[in-house]
Amino acid sequence: MTETSLVPELASVCGPNFDELVQWMVQDASLDRGDRRGPKLI
């Protein structure tokens, strides 16, 4: 994924910028949880 990918562009509509999206993805991947929905995006 790069800054020109569609995922960051779509996420920016909800609020997080590219750096925040990547940070959320890293944190989400490292969580051990039963709830598979993950944390709410910023």
C-alpha atoms as a PDB file:
ATOM      1  CA  MET A   1       0.000   0.000   0.000  1.00  0.00           C
ATOM      2  CA  THR A   2       1.253   3.430  -0.907  1.00  0.00           C
ATOM      3  CA  GLU A   3      -0.041   6.963  -0.446  1.00  0.00           C
ATOM      4  CA  THR A   4      -1.491   6.712  -3.964  1.00  0.00           C
ATOM      5  CA  SER A   5      -3.488   3.559  -3.174  1.00  0.00           C
ATOM      6  CA  LEU A   6      -7.253   3.801  -2.968  1.00  0.00           C
ATOM      7  CA  VAL A   7      -7.404   2.612   0.662  1.00  0.00           C
ATOM      8  CA  PRO A   8      -5.781   5.772   2.088  1.00  0.00           C
ATOM      9  CA  GLU A   9      -7.960   7.891  -0.187  1.00  0.00           C
ATOM     10  CA  LEU A  10     -11.114   6.144   1.026  1.00  0.00           C
ATOM     11  CA  ALA A  11      -9.996   6.313   4.663  1.00  0.00           C
ATOM     12  CA  SER A  12      -9.361  10.040   4.400  1.00  0.00           C
ATOM     13  CA  VAL A  13     -13.084  10.505   3.803  1.00  0.00           C
ATOM     14  CA  CYS A  14     -13.654   9.055   7.311  1.00  0.00           C
ATOM     15  CA  GLY A  15     -10.962  11.199   8.906  1.00  0.00           C
ATOM     16  CA  PRO A  16      -7.587   9.440   9.276  1.00  0.00           C
ATOM     17  CA  ASN A  17      -4.722  10.547   7.067  1.00  0.00           C
ATOM     18  CA  PHE A  18      -2.219   8.093   5.564  1.00  0.00           C
ATOM     19  CA  ASP A  19       0.088   8.062   8.607  1.00  0.00           C
ATOM     20  CA  GLU A  20      -2.822   7.554  11.024  1.00  0.00           C
ATOM     21  CA  LEU A  21      -4.201   4.743   8.862  1.00  0.00           C
ATOM     22  CA  VAL A  22      -0.857   2.913   8.817  1.00  0.00           C
ATOM     23  CA  GLN A  23      -0.475   3.381  12.581  1.00  0.00           C
ATOM     24  CA  TRP A  24      -3.987   1.983  13.148  1.00  0.00           C
ATOM     25  CA  MET A  25      -3.250  -1.014  10.894  1.00  0.00           C
ATOM     26  CA  VAL A  26      -0.047  -1.835  12.821  1.00  0.00           C
ATOM     27  CA  GLN A  27      -1.799  -1.509  16.191  1.00  0.00           C
ATOM     28  CA  ASP A  28      -4.781  -3.533  14.986  1.00  0.00           C
ATOM     29  CA  ALA A  29      -2.566  -6.341  13.704  1.00  0.00           C
ATOM     30  CA  SER A  30      -0.837  -6.624  17.077  1.00  0.00           C
ATOM     31  CA  LEU A  31      -3.967  -6.869  19.242  1.00  0.00           C
ATOM     32  CA  ASP A  32      -5.074 -10.199  20.690  1.00  0.00           C
ATOM     33  CA  ARG A  33      -8.833  -9.857  20.901  1.00  0.00           C
ATOM     34  CA  GLY A  34     -11.987 -11.863  20.507  1.00  0.00           C
ATOM     35  CA  ASP A  35     -13.796  -9.007  18.781  1.00  0.00           C
ATOM     36  CA  ARG A  36     -12.690  -9.242  15.135  1.00  0.00           C
ATOM     37  CA  ARG A  37     -14.024  -5.797  14.229  1.00  0.00           C
ATOM     38  CA  GLY A  38     -10.969  -4.099  15.724  1.00  0.00           C
ATOM     39  CA  PRO A  39     -10.606  -0.649  17.183  1.00  0.00           C
ATOM     40  CA  LYS A  40     -12.631   2.225  15.818  1.00  0.00           C
ATOM     41  CA  LEU A  41     -10.793   4.334  13.273  1.00  0.00           C
ATOM     42  CA  ILE A  42      -9.898   7.813  14.423  1.00  0.00           C
END
